[in-house]
């Protein structure tokens, strides 16, 4: 009887260990999927900002964020390929993209910058958390390696947001530039 209990305990322990590994793998897989969608959103929103932005500051911000996320996505795809994870090509926040497509001028600038502040903040937290908890070295390295880029993009977005609220274009950094007037 003792031997049976020991075998059962061993089997249950192995099952629990396998479940924990599966849960961690699913977490890393979910992160890769979510990061790919977030990158696609930031790329597409940035491209819209370059085309529809009212101020040079917003156009430059869109260009910078789009370039950063394209580079991040290329690196993410390499990690995903190593792990046999599939990366989605559709963006997160499709409704937000559709809303941006219908906006122009100062209204576009405000909505885009507000979205980027919210999006970059959320992504900084998500990447930082994944860098702390991931047990997969490649996923951990990817997440950790992109926190600084996301923080930089968040800071530029916040500077642009402040400049727009103050009615100035003194966003500074890569987001700086002159604002076109909205004269009617």
N, C-alpha and C. Protein backbone atom coordinates (compact mmCIF):
# COMPACT_ATOMS: atom_id res chain seq x y z
N UNK A 1 0.82 -1.19 0.00
CA UNK A 1 0.00 0.00 0.00
C UNK A 1 0.87 1.27 0.00
N UNK A 2 1.92 1.26 0.80
CA UNK A 2 2.83 2.41 0.86
C UNK A 2 3.47 2.67 -0.50
N UNK A 3 3.80 1.58 -1.18
CA UNK A 3 4.42 1.70 -2.49
C UNK A 3 3.45 2.34 -3.50
N UNK A 4 2.19 1.98 -3.41
CA UNK A 4 1.16 2.56 -4.27
C UNK A 4 1.02 4.07 -4.01
N UNK A 5 0.99 4.45 -2.73
CA UNK A 5 0.88 5.86 -2.38
C UNK A 5 2.09 6.63 -2.91
N UNK A 6 3.26 6.02 -2.80
CA UNK A 6 4.47 6.66 -3.28
C UNK A 6 4.41 6.85 -4.80
N UNK A 7 3.97 5.84 -5.53
CA UNK A 7 3.86 5.94 -6.99
C UNK A 7 2.82 6.99 -7.37
N UNK A 8 1.70 7.00 -6.65
CA UNK A 8 0.66 7.97 -6.91
C UNK A 8 1.17 9.39 -6.64
N UNK A 9 1.87 9.56 -5.54
CA UNK A 9 2.42 10.88 -5.20
C UNK A 9 3.44 11.31 -6.26
N UNK A 10 4.27 10.39 -6.71
CA UNK A 10 5.26 10.70 -7.74
C UNK A 10 4.57 11.10 -9.04
N UNK A 11 3.54 10.33 -9.40
CA UNK A 11 2.81 10.61 -10.63
C UNK A 11 2.11 11.97 -10.54
N UNK A 12 1.47 12.25 -9.42
CA UNK A 12 0.80 13.53 -9.23
C UNK A 12 1.79 14.70 -9.24
N UNK A 13 2.94 14.48 -8.64
CA UNK A 13 3.99 15.51 -8.65
C UNK A 13 4.47 15.79 -10.06
N UNK A 14 4.66 14.73 -10.85
CA UNK A 14 5.10 14.91 -12.23
C UNK A 14 4.02 15.62 -13.04
N UNK A 15 2.77 15.28 -12.79
CA UNK A 15 1.67 15.92 -13.48
C UNK A 15 1.60 17.41 -13.13
N UNK A 16 1.76 17.73 -11.87
CA UNK A 16 1.74 19.13 -11.43
C UNK A 16 2.90 19.91 -12.06
N UNK A 17 4.08 19.29 -12.13
CA UNK A 17 5.24 19.92 -12.73
C UNK A 17 4.99 20.19 -14.22
N UNK A 18 4.43 19.20 -14.91
CA UNK A 18 4.12 19.35 -16.33
C UNK A 18 3.09 20.46 -16.54
N UNK A 19 2.10 20.54 -15.67
CA UNK A 19 1.08 21.58 -15.78
C UNK A 19 1.71 22.96 -15.57
N UNK A 20 2.64 23.06 -14.63
CA UNK A 20 3.30 24.34 -14.37
C UNK A 20 4.13 24.76 -15.58
N UNK A 21 4.82 23.82 -16.20
CA UNK A 21 5.60 24.13 -17.40
C UNK A 21 4.69 24.57 -18.54
N UNK A 22 3.57 23.90 -18.69
CA UNK A 22 2.62 24.25 -19.74
C UNK A 22 2.05 25.64 -19.50
N UNK A 23 1.72 25.95 -18.26
CA UNK A 23 1.19 27.27 -17.93
C UNK A 23 2.21 28.35 -18.23
N UNK A 24 3.48 28.11 -17.90
CA UNK A 24 4.52 29.10 -18.17
C UNK A 24 4.70 29.27 -19.67
N UNK A 25 4.72 28.14 -20.39
CA UNK A 25 4.87 28.21 -21.84
C UNK A 25 3.70 28.98 -22.45
N UNK A 26 2.50 28.72 -21.96
CA UNK A 26 1.34 29.44 -22.46
C UNK A 26 1.47 30.93 -22.17
N UNK A 27 1.99 31.27 -21.01
CA UNK A 27 2.18 32.66 -20.66
C UNK A 27 3.17 33.33 -21.61
N UNK A 28 4.29 32.67 -21.90
CA UNK A 28 5.26 33.21 -22.84
C UNK A 28 4.66 33.30 -24.24
N UNK A 29 3.91 32.28 -24.61
CA UNK A 29 3.27 32.26 -25.93
C UNK A 29 2.25 33.40 -26.03
N UNK A 30 1.47 33.60 -24.97
CA UNK A 30 0.50 34.70 -24.95
C UNK A 30 1.19 36.06 -25.04
N UNK A 31 2.31 36.19 -24.33
CA UNK A 31 3.05 37.45 -24.39
C UNK A 31 3.52 37.73 -25.81
N UNK A 32 4.08 36.72 -26.47
CA UNK A 32 4.57 36.90 -27.83
C UNK A 32 3.42 37.31 -28.76
N UNK A 33 2.29 36.64 -28.61
CA UNK A 33 1.11 36.96 -29.42
C UNK A 33 0.64 38.40 -29.16
N UNK A 34 0.51 38.75 -27.90
CA UNK A 34 0.06 40.10 -27.53
C UNK A 34 1.05 41.18 -27.96
N UNK A 35 2.34 40.89 -27.82
CA UNK A 35 3.37 41.85 -28.22
C UNK A 35 3.34 42.08 -29.73
N UNK A 36 3.13 41.01 -30.50
CA UNK A 36 3.06 41.15 -31.95
C UNK A 36 1.86 42.02 -32.35
N UNK A 37 0.73 41.81 -31.71
CA UNK A 37 -0.46 42.62 -32.01
C UNK A 37 -0.25 44.08 -31.59
N UNK A 38 0.37 44.29 -30.45
CA UNK A 38 0.65 45.66 -29.98
C UNK A 38 1.62 46.35 -30.93
N UNK A 39 2.63 45.61 -31.40
CA UNK A 39 3.58 46.19 -32.36
C UNK A 39 2.86 46.59 -33.64
N UNK A 40 1.99 45.72 -34.14
CA UNK A 40 1.25 46.03 -35.37
C UNK A 40 0.39 47.28 -35.19
N UNK A 41 -0.25 47.39 -34.03
CA UNK A 41 -1.07 48.58 -33.76
C UNK A 41 -0.21 49.84 -33.78
N UNK A 42 0.92 49.81 -33.07
CA UNK A 42 1.78 50.99 -33.00
C UNK A 42 2.35 51.35 -34.37
N UNK A 43 2.70 50.35 -35.17
CA UNK A 43 3.21 50.59 -36.52
C UNK A 43 2.14 51.26 -37.38
N UNK A 44 0.95 50.68 -37.40
CA UNK A 44 -0.12 51.22 -38.25
C UNK A 44 -0.59 52.59 -37.77
N UNK A 45 -0.69 52.78 -36.46
CA UNK A 45 -1.09 54.08 -35.93
C UNK A 45 -0.01 55.13 -36.25
N UNK A 46 1.25 54.73 -36.14
CA UNK A 46 2.35 55.65 -36.46
C UNK A 46 2.34 56.06 -37.93
N UNK A 47 2.03 55.10 -38.80
CA UNK A 47 1.94 55.42 -40.23
C UNK A 47 0.79 56.39 -40.50
N UNK A 48 -0.32 56.20 -39.79
CA UNK A 48 -1.43 57.16 -39.92
C UNK A 48 -1.00 58.54 -39.45
N UNK A 49 -0.25 58.60 -38.35
CA UNK A 49 0.21 59.89 -37.82
C UNK A 49 1.11 60.60 -38.84
N UNK A 50 1.95 59.85 -39.52
CA UNK A 50 2.81 60.45 -40.54
C UNK A 50 1.98 61.06 -41.67
N UNK A 51 0.88 60.43 -42.03
CA UNK A 51 0.04 60.89 -43.14
C UNK A 51 -0.98 61.95 -42.71
N UNK A 52 -1.62 61.74 -41.55
CA UNK A 52 -2.76 62.57 -41.16
C UNK A 52 -2.46 63.55 -40.04
N UNK A 53 -1.27 63.49 -39.50
CA UNK A 53 -0.94 64.38 -38.40
C UNK A 53 -1.00 65.83 -38.82
N UNK A 54 -1.45 66.67 -37.92
CA UNK A 54 -1.55 68.10 -38.17
C UNK A 54 -0.21 68.78 -37.91
N UNK A 55 0.48 68.35 -36.89
CA UNK A 55 1.75 68.99 -36.52
C UNK A 55 2.94 68.10 -36.88
N UNK A 56 4.05 68.75 -37.14
CA UNK A 56 5.29 68.01 -37.41
C UNK A 56 5.68 67.16 -36.20
N UNK A 57 5.37 67.68 -35.02
CA UNK A 57 5.67 66.96 -33.79
C UNK A 57 4.98 65.59 -33.79
N UNK A 58 3.71 65.56 -34.15
CA UNK A 58 2.95 64.31 -34.16
C UNK A 58 3.43 63.41 -35.30
N UNK A 59 3.71 63.99 -36.44
CA UNK A 59 4.23 63.20 -37.58
C UNK A 59 5.55 62.54 -37.20
N UNK A 60 6.43 63.30 -36.55
CA UNK A 60 7.73 62.76 -36.13
C UNK A 60 7.57 61.69 -35.05
N UNK A 61 6.64 61.91 -34.14
CA UNK A 61 6.36 60.92 -33.11
C UNK A 61 5.89 59.61 -33.76
N UNK A 62 4.94 59.72 -34.68
CA UNK A 62 4.44 58.53 -35.38
C UNK A 62 5.55 57.80 -36.12
N UNK A 63 6.40 58.56 -36.77
CA UNK A 63 7.52 57.96 -37.52
C UNK A 63 8.47 57.21 -36.59
N UNK A 64 8.79 57.83 -35.45
CA UNK A 64 9.72 57.22 -34.49
C UNK A 64 9.13 55.95 -33.87
N UNK A 65 7.89 56.03 -33.41
CA UNK A 65 7.26 54.87 -32.77
C UNK A 65 7.10 53.74 -33.78
N UNK A 66 6.69 54.08 -34.99
CA UNK A 66 6.53 53.06 -36.03
C UNK A 66 7.87 52.37 -36.32
N UNK A 67 8.93 53.13 -36.44
CA UNK A 67 10.25 52.55 -36.70
C UNK A 67 10.70 51.67 -35.54
N UNK A 68 10.50 52.14 -34.32
CA UNK A 68 10.89 51.36 -33.14
C UNK A 68 10.14 50.03 -33.10
N UNK A 69 8.85 50.08 -33.38
CA UNK A 69 8.03 48.87 -33.30
C UNK A 69 8.30 47.91 -34.46
N UNK A 70 8.67 48.44 -35.63
CA UNK A 70 9.05 47.55 -36.74
C UNK A 70 10.29 46.75 -36.35
N UNK A 71 11.25 47.44 -35.77
CA UNK A 71 12.48 46.77 -35.33
C UNK A 71 12.17 45.75 -34.23
N UNK A 72 11.34 46.14 -33.28
CA UNK A 72 10.97 45.23 -32.19
C UNK A 72 10.24 44.00 -32.74
N UNK A 73 9.38 44.22 -33.72
CA UNK A 73 8.61 43.11 -34.28
C UNK A 73 9.51 42.14 -35.05
N UNK A 74 10.52 42.65 -35.73
CA UNK A 74 11.47 41.77 -36.42
C UNK A 74 12.18 40.87 -35.41
N UNK A 75 12.58 41.43 -34.31
CA UNK A 75 13.25 40.64 -33.27
C UNK A 75 12.27 39.66 -32.62
N UNK A 76 11.04 40.09 -32.43
CA UNK A 76 10.03 39.21 -31.85
C UNK A 76 9.75 38.02 -32.75
N UNK A 77 9.71 38.25 -34.05
CA UNK A 77 9.48 37.16 -35.00
C UNK A 77 10.59 36.11 -34.93
N UNK A 78 11.82 36.55 -34.70
CA UNK A 78 12.94 35.61 -34.54
C UNK A 78 12.75 34.75 -33.30
N UNK A 79 12.34 35.38 -32.20
CA UNK A 79 12.09 34.64 -30.96
C UNK A 79 10.94 33.66 -31.18
N UNK A 80 9.89 34.12 -31.82
CA UNK A 80 8.72 33.26 -32.08
C UNK A 80 9.11 32.07 -32.94
N UNK A 81 9.94 32.29 -33.94
CA UNK A 81 10.37 31.19 -34.81
C UNK A 81 11.18 30.15 -34.03
N UNK A 82 12.03 30.60 -33.12
CA UNK A 82 12.80 29.67 -32.28
C UNK A 82 11.90 28.80 -31.43
N UNK A 83 10.78 29.36 -31.01
CA UNK A 83 9.86 28.66 -30.09
C UNK A 83 8.70 27.98 -30.81
N UNK A 84 8.68 28.09 -32.13
CA UNK A 84 7.56 27.58 -32.93
C UNK A 84 6.24 28.21 -32.53
N UNK A 85 6.28 29.51 -32.18
CA UNK A 85 5.08 30.27 -31.89
C UNK A 85 4.69 30.99 -33.17
N UNK A 86 3.41 31.10 -33.40
CA UNK A 86 2.90 31.85 -34.54
C UNK A 86 2.62 33.29 -34.09
N UNK A 87 3.08 34.25 -34.88
CA UNK A 87 2.80 35.64 -34.53
C UNK A 87 1.67 36.16 -35.42
N UNK A 88 0.66 36.75 -34.80
CA UNK A 88 -0.44 37.30 -35.58
C UNK A 88 0.00 38.54 -36.36
N UNK A 89 -0.67 38.81 -37.45
CA UNK A 89 -0.34 39.99 -38.24
C UNK A 89 -1.39 41.09 -38.07
N UNK A 90 -2.50 40.76 -37.43
CA UNK A 90 -3.52 41.79 -37.21
C UNK A 90 -3.17 42.59 -35.96
N UNK A 91 -3.55 43.87 -35.98
CA UNK A 91 -3.21 44.73 -34.84
C UNK A 91 -4.18 44.56 -33.67
N UNK A 92 -3.71 44.91 -32.52
CA UNK A 92 -4.59 45.07 -31.36
C UNK A 92 -5.36 46.37 -31.58
N UNK A 93 -6.39 46.60 -30.83
CA UNK A 93 -7.10 47.89 -30.82
C UNK A 93 -7.58 48.33 -32.20
N UNK A 94 -8.21 47.42 -32.94
CA UNK A 94 -8.68 47.76 -34.29
C UNK A 94 -9.65 48.94 -34.28
N UNK A 95 -10.49 49.01 -33.25
CA UNK A 95 -11.44 50.13 -33.17
C UNK A 95 -10.73 51.47 -33.08
N UNK A 96 -9.64 51.49 -32.30
CA UNK A 96 -8.88 52.73 -32.17
C UNK A 96 -8.27 53.14 -33.52
N UNK A 97 -7.78 52.16 -34.27
CA UNK A 97 -7.24 52.47 -35.60
C UNK A 97 -8.32 53.01 -36.52
N UNK A 98 -9.49 52.39 -36.48
CA UNK A 98 -10.60 52.86 -37.32
C UNK A 98 -11.00 54.29 -36.93
N UNK A 99 -11.00 54.56 -35.65
CA UNK A 99 -11.34 55.91 -35.19
C UNK A 99 -10.30 56.92 -35.70
N UNK A 100 -9.02 56.56 -35.58
CA UNK A 100 -7.96 57.45 -36.06
C UNK A 100 -8.09 57.72 -37.55
N UNK A 101 -8.45 56.71 -38.32
CA UNK A 101 -8.57 56.87 -39.77
C UNK A 101 -9.60 57.93 -40.14
N UNK A 102 -10.59 58.11 -39.30
CA UNK A 102 -11.64 59.09 -39.57
C UNK A 102 -11.35 60.48 -39.05
N UNK A 103 -10.23 60.67 -38.39
CA UNK A 103 -9.92 61.98 -37.80
C UNK A 103 -8.86 62.71 -38.62
N UNK A 104 -8.87 64.03 -38.52
CA UNK A 104 -7.88 64.86 -39.21
C UNK A 104 -7.57 66.08 -38.35
N UNK A 105 -6.49 66.72 -38.68
CA UNK A 105 -6.13 67.98 -38.03
C UNK A 105 -5.79 67.82 -36.55
N UNK A 106 -6.11 68.86 -35.81
CA UNK A 106 -5.79 68.88 -34.38
C UNK A 106 -6.52 67.77 -33.63
N UNK A 107 -7.70 67.42 -34.11
CA UNK A 107 -8.46 66.34 -33.48
C UNK A 107 -7.70 65.00 -33.60
N UNK A 108 -7.11 64.76 -34.77
CA UNK A 108 -6.29 63.56 -34.96
C UNK A 108 -5.10 63.59 -34.00
N UNK A 109 -4.39 64.72 -33.98
CA UNK A 109 -3.19 64.82 -33.14
C UNK A 109 -3.49 64.47 -31.69
N UNK A 110 -4.56 65.06 -31.16
CA UNK A 110 -4.90 64.82 -29.75
C UNK A 110 -5.23 63.34 -29.52
N UNK A 111 -6.05 62.78 -30.36
CA UNK A 111 -6.45 61.37 -30.18
C UNK A 111 -5.26 60.44 -30.32
N UNK A 112 -4.42 60.68 -31.32
CA UNK A 112 -3.25 59.83 -31.54
C UNK A 112 -2.30 59.89 -30.34
N UNK A 113 -1.99 61.07 -29.89
CA UNK A 113 -1.05 61.23 -28.78
C UNK A 113 -1.62 60.62 -27.50
N UNK A 114 -2.90 60.85 -27.24
CA UNK A 114 -3.53 60.24 -26.06
C UNK A 114 -3.47 58.72 -26.12
N UNK A 115 -3.74 58.16 -27.30
CA UNK A 115 -3.66 56.70 -27.48
C UNK A 115 -2.24 56.19 -27.25
N UNK A 116 -1.26 56.92 -27.76
CA UNK A 116 0.13 56.47 -27.62
C UNK A 116 0.59 56.52 -26.17
N UNK A 117 0.16 57.53 -25.43
CA UNK A 117 0.50 57.57 -24.01
C UNK A 117 -0.07 56.35 -23.31
N UNK A 118 -1.34 56.09 -23.53
CA UNK A 118 -2.01 54.94 -22.91
C UNK A 118 -1.36 53.62 -23.35
N UNK A 119 -1.12 53.48 -24.64
CA UNK A 119 -0.57 52.25 -25.21
C UNK A 119 0.86 51.99 -24.73
N UNK A 120 1.69 53.03 -24.78
CA UNK A 120 3.10 52.86 -24.37
C UNK A 120 3.19 52.54 -22.88
N UNK A 121 2.36 53.20 -22.08
CA UNK A 121 2.36 52.93 -20.64
C UNK A 121 2.00 51.47 -20.37
N UNK A 122 0.94 51.01 -21.02
CA UNK A 122 0.49 49.62 -20.85
C UNK A 122 1.58 48.64 -21.29
N UNK A 123 2.23 48.95 -22.41
CA UNK A 123 3.26 48.04 -22.93
C UNK A 123 4.52 48.04 -22.07
N UNK A 124 4.90 49.18 -21.53
CA UNK A 124 6.05 49.22 -20.62
C UNK A 124 5.81 48.26 -19.46
N UNK A 125 4.63 48.36 -18.87
CA UNK A 125 4.29 47.49 -17.73
C UNK A 125 4.29 46.01 -18.13
N UNK A 126 3.70 45.71 -19.28
CA UNK A 126 3.59 44.33 -19.75
C UNK A 126 4.99 43.74 -20.02
N UNK A 127 5.83 44.50 -20.69
CA UNK A 127 7.18 44.02 -21.01
C UNK A 127 8.02 43.86 -19.73
N UNK A 128 7.92 44.84 -18.85
CA UNK A 128 8.69 44.76 -17.61
C UNK A 128 8.28 43.53 -16.81
N UNK A 129 6.97 43.31 -16.70
CA UNK A 129 6.45 42.16 -15.96
C UNK A 129 6.93 40.85 -16.59
N UNK A 130 6.88 40.78 -17.93
CA UNK A 130 7.32 39.56 -18.61
C UNK A 130 8.82 39.34 -18.41
N UNK A 131 9.58 40.40 -18.44
CA UNK A 131 11.03 40.28 -18.22
C UNK A 131 11.33 39.74 -16.83
N UNK A 132 10.46 40.05 -15.86
CA UNK A 132 10.65 39.57 -14.49
C UNK A 132 10.20 38.12 -14.31
N UNK A 133 9.10 37.73 -14.95
CA UNK A 133 8.52 36.43 -14.63
C UNK A 133 8.83 35.32 -15.62
N UNK A 134 9.25 35.65 -16.83
CA UNK A 134 9.48 34.60 -17.83
C UNK A 134 10.64 33.70 -17.44
N UNK A 135 10.45 32.43 -17.65
CA UNK A 135 11.54 31.48 -17.41
C UNK A 135 12.21 31.09 -18.72
N UNK A 136 11.66 31.54 -19.84
CA UNK A 136 12.26 31.27 -21.14
C UNK A 136 13.30 32.35 -21.43
N UNK A 137 14.56 31.97 -21.58
CA UNK A 137 15.62 32.97 -21.76
C UNK A 137 15.42 33.88 -22.97
N UNK A 138 14.95 33.35 -24.08
CA UNK A 138 14.78 34.18 -25.28
C UNK A 138 13.65 35.19 -25.11
N UNK A 139 12.55 34.77 -24.53
CA UNK A 139 11.41 35.67 -24.30
C UNK A 139 11.80 36.72 -23.27
N UNK A 140 12.46 36.28 -22.22
CA UNK A 140 12.91 37.19 -21.16
C UNK A 140 13.86 38.25 -21.73
N UNK A 141 14.79 37.82 -22.56
CA UNK A 141 15.76 38.75 -23.16
C UNK A 141 15.06 39.75 -24.08
N UNK A 142 14.12 39.25 -24.88
CA UNK A 142 13.37 40.15 -25.76
C UNK A 142 12.62 41.20 -24.94
N UNK A 143 11.86 40.76 -23.96
CA UNK A 143 11.06 41.68 -23.15
C UNK A 143 11.96 42.70 -22.44
N UNK A 144 12.99 42.21 -21.79
CA UNK A 144 13.90 43.07 -21.05
C UNK A 144 14.62 44.05 -21.98
N UNK A 145 14.96 43.59 -23.16
CA UNK A 145 15.69 44.42 -24.11
C UNK A 145 14.86 45.53 -24.74
N UNK A 146 13.55 45.49 -24.57
CA UNK A 146 12.71 46.50 -25.20
C UNK A 146 12.02 47.45 -24.21
N UNK A 147 12.21 47.24 -22.94
CA UNK A 147 11.60 48.13 -21.94
C UNK A 147 12.11 49.56 -22.12
N UNK A 148 13.41 49.75 -22.32
CA UNK A 148 13.96 51.10 -22.46
C UNK A 148 13.40 51.81 -23.69
N UNK A 149 13.25 51.08 -24.80
CA UNK A 149 12.69 51.67 -26.01
C UNK A 149 11.25 52.13 -25.76
N UNK A 150 10.48 51.28 -25.10
CA UNK A 150 9.09 51.63 -24.80
C UNK A 150 9.00 52.81 -23.85
N UNK A 151 9.91 52.87 -22.88
CA UNK A 151 9.93 54.01 -21.95
C UNK A 151 10.26 55.30 -22.69
N UNK A 152 11.19 55.22 -23.64
CA UNK A 152 11.55 56.39 -24.44
C UNK A 152 10.36 56.86 -25.26
N UNK A 153 9.67 55.90 -25.89
CA UNK A 153 8.49 56.25 -26.69
C UNK A 153 7.36 56.81 -25.80
N UNK A 154 7.23 56.27 -24.61
CA UNK A 154 6.24 56.80 -23.66
C UNK A 154 6.59 58.24 -23.30
N UNK A 155 7.85 58.49 -23.01
CA UNK A 155 8.27 59.85 -22.64
C UNK A 155 8.03 60.83 -23.79
N UNK A 156 8.35 60.43 -25.02
CA UNK A 156 8.09 61.31 -26.17
C UNK A 156 6.59 61.57 -26.33
N UNK A 157 5.79 60.54 -26.11
CA UNK A 157 4.34 60.68 -26.23
C UNK A 157 3.80 61.63 -25.16
N UNK A 158 4.33 61.50 -23.95
CA UNK A 158 3.90 62.38 -22.86
C UNK A 158 4.31 63.83 -23.15
N UNK A 159 5.51 64.02 -23.70
CA UNK A 159 5.95 65.37 -24.04
C UNK A 159 5.05 65.97 -25.12
N UNK A 160 4.69 65.16 -26.11
CA UNK A 160 3.80 65.64 -27.18
C UNK A 160 2.42 65.95 -26.61
N UNK A 161 1.95 65.12 -25.69
CA UNK A 161 0.65 65.34 -25.07
C UNK A 161 0.64 66.67 -24.32
N UNK A 162 1.69 66.93 -23.56
CA UNK A 162 1.81 68.18 -22.82
C UNK A 162 1.88 69.38 -23.77
N UNK A 163 2.67 69.24 -24.83
CA UNK A 163 2.79 70.33 -25.80
C UNK A 163 1.45 70.63 -26.46
N UNK A 164 0.70 69.61 -26.81
CA UNK A 164 -0.61 69.83 -27.42
C UNK A 164 -1.58 70.48 -26.44
N UNK A 165 -1.55 70.05 -25.19
CA UNK A 165 -2.44 70.65 -24.18
C UNK A 165 -2.10 72.11 -23.94
N UNK A 166 -0.81 72.43 -24.01
CA UNK A 166 -0.36 73.81 -23.78
C UNK A 166 -0.45 74.67 -25.03
N UNK A 167 -0.80 74.04 -26.15
CA UNK A 167 -0.89 74.78 -27.40
C UNK A 167 0.46 75.14 -27.98
N UNK A 168 1.48 74.38 -27.60
CA UNK A 168 2.83 74.62 -28.12
C UNK A 168 3.31 73.36 -28.84
N UNK A 169 4.38 73.53 -29.57
CA UNK A 169 4.98 72.38 -30.24
C UNK A 169 6.32 72.06 -29.61
N UNK A 170 6.54 72.50 -28.40
CA UNK A 170 7.83 72.29 -27.73
C UNK A 170 7.87 70.91 -27.11
N UNK A 171 7.57 69.88 -27.90
CA UNK A 171 7.58 68.50 -27.40
C UNK A 171 8.97 68.00 -27.11
N UNK A 172 9.98 68.53 -27.82
CA UNK A 172 11.36 68.14 -27.58
C UNK A 172 11.67 66.77 -28.12
N UNK A 173 12.95 66.44 -28.16
CA UNK A 173 13.39 65.12 -28.60
C UNK A 173 12.95 64.83 -30.02
N UNK A 174 12.80 63.56 -30.34
CA UNK A 174 12.40 63.14 -31.68
C UNK A 174 10.97 63.56 -31.97
N UNK A 175 10.22 63.92 -30.96
CA UNK A 175 8.83 64.31 -31.17
C UNK A 175 8.68 65.81 -31.38
N UNK A 176 9.76 66.56 -31.26
CA UNK A 176 9.67 68.01 -31.37
C UNK A 176 9.37 68.46 -32.78
N UNK A 177 8.98 69.70 -32.92
CA UNK A 177 8.72 70.24 -34.26
C UNK A 177 7.73 71.38 -34.19
N UNK A 178 7.44 71.92 -35.35
CA UNK A 178 6.51 73.04 -35.44
C UNK A 178 5.11 72.51 -35.64
N UNK A 179 4.15 73.22 -35.11
CA UNK A 179 2.76 72.84 -35.24
C UNK A 179 2.12 73.72 -36.33
N UNK A 180 1.39 73.08 -37.25
CA UNK A 180 0.65 73.82 -38.26
C UNK A 180 -0.54 74.49 -37.58
N UNK A 181 -0.87 75.67 -38.06
CA UNK A 181 -2.02 76.33 -37.46
C UNK A 181 -3.30 75.74 -38.07
N UNK A 182 -4.35 75.79 -37.31
CA UNK A 182 -5.64 75.29 -37.73
C UNK A 182 -6.54 76.47 -38.09
N UNK A 183 -6.03 77.39 -38.90
CA UNK A 183 -6.80 78.59 -39.19
C UNK A 183 -7.97 78.26 -40.11
N UNK A 184 -9.12 78.89 -39.82
CA UNK A 184 -10.34 78.62 -40.59
C UNK A 184 -10.86 79.90 -41.16
